[in-house]
């Protein structure tokens, strides 16, 4: 991680507290694409915390100092695997973060992966596409996603 400008974290959510303790210093100031989701069956109390506080705020708590962007977590990995670089309009990937430059980098990485980024808002907006939310698990184009999130651009 010391050499990376951006890091993708895709681990079981229950690992976030330990991940933050073990690697928090290395992640400080880095752009971190947070692809984790919290599920009650696997993550227990941490899932309840994410549901109550919002997944963006919970991730920020355990990864302090990281330039966090919630990305690649609005659906199952299977949906991403099926739709990367598909023909026709690209599948939309909602992203949320408080750091404009980090959002720009995340958007470029989403495009590189064969999708179209849709910036939903700050980290608090990640609640709108966290697991269990109405915008979770959608295979939508960018215009469809913008409409679903009530975005005007």
Protein backbone atom coordinates (compact mmCIF):
# COMPACT_ATOMS: atom_id res chain seq x y z
CA UNK A 1 0.00 0.00 0.00
CA UNK A 2 2.93 2.33 0.55
CA UNK A 3 3.44 2.65 -3.22
CA UNK A 4 -0.22 3.02 -4.22
CA UNK A 5 -2.06 6.26 -4.83
CA UNK A 6 -5.42 4.47 -4.74
CA UNK A 7 -6.47 1.28 -2.97
CA UNK A 8 -9.57 -0.87 -3.44
CA UNK A 9 -10.80 -2.56 -0.28
CA UNK A 10 -13.08 -5.54 -0.84
CA UNK A 11 -13.01 -7.65 2.31
CA UNK A 12 -15.71 -8.90 4.67
CA UNK A 13 -16.95 -5.85 6.55
CA UNK A 14 -16.24 -7.41 9.94
CA UNK A 15 -12.53 -6.94 9.12
CA UNK A 16 -12.76 -3.12 8.93
CA UNK A 17 -11.87 -2.39 12.58
CA UNK A 18 -8.80 -4.64 12.39
CA UNK A 19 -7.92 -3.36 8.92
CA UNK A 20 -8.02 0.21 10.21
CA UNK A 21 -5.83 -0.64 13.19
CA UNK A 22 -3.28 -2.62 11.19
CA UNK A 23 -3.08 -0.45 8.07
CA UNK A 24 -4.65 2.88 9.04
CA UNK A 25 -1.32 4.68 8.94
CA UNK A 26 -0.62 3.44 5.43
CA UNK A 27 -4.13 4.38 4.25
CA UNK A 28 -4.02 7.92 5.68
CA UNK A 29 -4.17 10.37 2.78
CA UNK A 30 -4.69 7.59 0.21
CA UNK A 31 -7.72 7.38 -2.06
CA UNK A 32 -9.58 4.32 -0.82
CA UNK A 33 -12.35 2.78 -2.90
CA UNK A 34 -14.52 1.09 -0.32
CA UNK A 35 -16.34 -1.85 -1.90
CA UNK A 36 -17.40 -3.55 1.34
CA UNK A 37 -20.94 -4.29 2.45
CA UNK A 38 -22.15 -5.14 5.91
CA UNK A 39 -24.48 -8.09 6.35
CA UNK A 40 -26.06 -9.06 9.66
CA UNK A 41 -25.41 -12.80 9.27
CA UNK A 42 -21.69 -12.32 8.68
CA UNK A 43 -20.86 -9.02 10.36
CA UNK A 44 -23.22 -8.90 13.36
CA UNK A 45 -22.99 -5.69 15.40
CA UNK A 46 -20.95 -3.97 12.71
CA UNK A 47 -23.85 -4.42 10.28
CA UNK A 48 -26.21 -2.87 12.83
CA UNK A 49 -23.81 0.07 13.20
CA UNK A 50 -23.63 0.54 9.43
CA UNK A 51 -27.42 0.42 9.19
CA UNK A 52 -27.84 2.96 11.98
CA UNK A 53 -25.01 5.40 11.18
CA UNK A 54 -24.86 4.78 7.43
CA UNK A 55 -22.24 2.70 5.67
CA UNK A 56 -20.16 5.72 4.60
CA UNK A 57 -19.88 7.09 8.13
CA UNK A 58 -19.09 3.66 9.51
CA UNK A 59 -16.33 3.04 6.99
CA UNK A 60 -14.89 6.50 7.69
CA UNK A 61 -14.85 5.70 11.42
CA UNK A 62 -12.73 2.58 10.90
CA UNK A 63 -10.54 4.04 8.13
CA UNK A 64 -9.83 7.54 9.49
CA UNK A 65 -7.75 9.81 7.34
CA UNK A 66 -8.39 7.84 4.16
CA UNK A 67 -9.86 9.75 1.23
CA UNK A 68 -12.81 7.39 1.11
CA UNK A 69 -15.09 6.77 -1.87
CA UNK A 70 -17.86 4.20 -1.67
CA UNK A 71 -17.72 2.37 -5.02
CA UNK A 72 -18.34 -1.09 -6.50
CA UNK A 73 -20.65 -2.03 -3.65
CA UNK A 74 -24.12 -1.25 -4.96
CA UNK A 75 -24.64 -4.78 -6.29
CA UNK A 76 -23.33 -8.31 -6.13
CA UNK A 77 -19.96 -8.97 -7.74
CA UNK A 78 -21.80 -11.31 -10.13
CA UNK A 79 -23.70 -8.38 -11.62
CA UNK A 80 -20.44 -6.47 -12.09
CA UNK A 81 -18.75 -9.49 -13.70
CA UNK A 82 -21.64 -9.92 -16.15
CA UNK A 83 -21.74 -6.27 -17.17
CA UNK A 84 -18.15 -5.01 -17.30
CA UNK A 85 -17.41 -3.60 -20.77
CA UNK A 86 -20.80 -4.77 -22.07
CA UNK A 87 -22.01 -3.66 -25.47
CA UNK A 88 -24.49 -0.80 -25.49
CA UNK A 89 -24.84 1.70 -22.67
CA UNK A 90 -22.56 0.95 -19.74
CA UNK A 91 -23.93 -0.18 -16.39
CA UNK A 92 -23.96 2.67 -13.88
CA UNK A 93 -21.87 2.42 -10.72
CA UNK A 94 -23.01 4.81 -7.99
CA UNK A 95 -20.16 6.41 -6.06
CA UNK A 96 -20.14 8.67 -3.01
CA UNK A 97 -17.40 10.58 -1.24
CA UNK A 98 -16.51 13.87 0.39
CA UNK A 99 -13.21 14.48 -1.47
CA UNK A 100 -13.67 15.87 -5.01
CA UNK A 101 -10.26 14.73 -6.27
CA UNK A 102 -10.82 11.24 -4.83
CA UNK A 103 -14.22 11.11 -6.56
CA UNK A 104 -12.56 12.09 -9.85
CA UNK A 105 -9.97 9.30 -9.50
CA UNK A 106 -12.66 6.79 -8.53
CA UNK A 107 -14.79 7.84 -11.53
CA UNK A 108 -11.83 7.24 -13.87
CA UNK A 109 -11.23 3.80 -12.33
CA UNK A 110 -14.93 2.94 -12.69
CA UNK A 111 -14.72 3.87 -16.40
CA UNK A 112 -11.52 1.83 -16.80
CA UNK A 113 -13.39 -1.17 -15.37
CA UNK A 114 -16.07 -0.83 -18.07
CA UNK A 115 -18.83 1.02 -16.22
CA UNK A 116 -20.24 4.54 -16.00
CA UNK A 117 -19.83 6.36 -12.66
CA UNK A 118 -22.74 8.26 -11.15
CA UNK A 119 -21.73 10.57 -8.30
CA UNK A 120 -24.58 10.40 -5.81
CA UNK A 121 -23.12 12.82 -3.26
CA UNK A 122 -21.00 12.82 -0.13
CA UNK A 123 -20.29 9.79 2.03
CA UNK A 124 -23.65 10.23 3.75
CA UNK A 125 -25.34 9.63 0.36
CA UNK A 126 -23.83 6.12 0.24
CA UNK A 127 -26.73 5.09 2.48
CA UNK A 128 -28.92 5.31 -0.65
CA UNK A 129 -27.15 2.37 -2.30
CA UNK A 130 -25.92 0.32 0.63
CA UNK A 131 -27.06 -3.28 0.86
CA UNK A 132 -30.77 -3.36 1.65
CA UNK A 133 -31.48 0.12 0.24
CA UNK A 134 -33.90 0.57 -2.65
CA UNK A 135 -31.06 1.48 -5.04
CA UNK A 136 -28.99 -1.61 -4.23
CA UNK A 137 -28.66 -4.33 -6.86
CA UNK A 138 -29.80 -2.31 -9.88
CA UNK A 139 -28.57 -2.96 -13.38
CA UNK A 140 -29.21 0.53 -14.68
CA UNK A 141 -27.66 2.87 -17.21
CA UNK A 142 -26.32 6.22 -15.99
CA UNK A 143 -29.49 8.17 -16.99
CA UNK A 144 -31.66 5.55 -15.26
CA UNK A 145 -29.50 5.66 -12.15
CA UNK A 146 -29.51 9.47 -12.03
CA UNK A 147 -33.30 9.40 -12.20
CA UNK A 148 -33.53 6.74 -9.46
CA UNK A 149 -31.28 8.85 -7.19
CA UNK A 150 -33.16 12.07 -8.00
CA UNK A 151 -30.10 13.68 -9.59
CA UNK A 152 -30.53 16.42 -12.17
CA UNK A 153 -27.25 16.10 -14.10
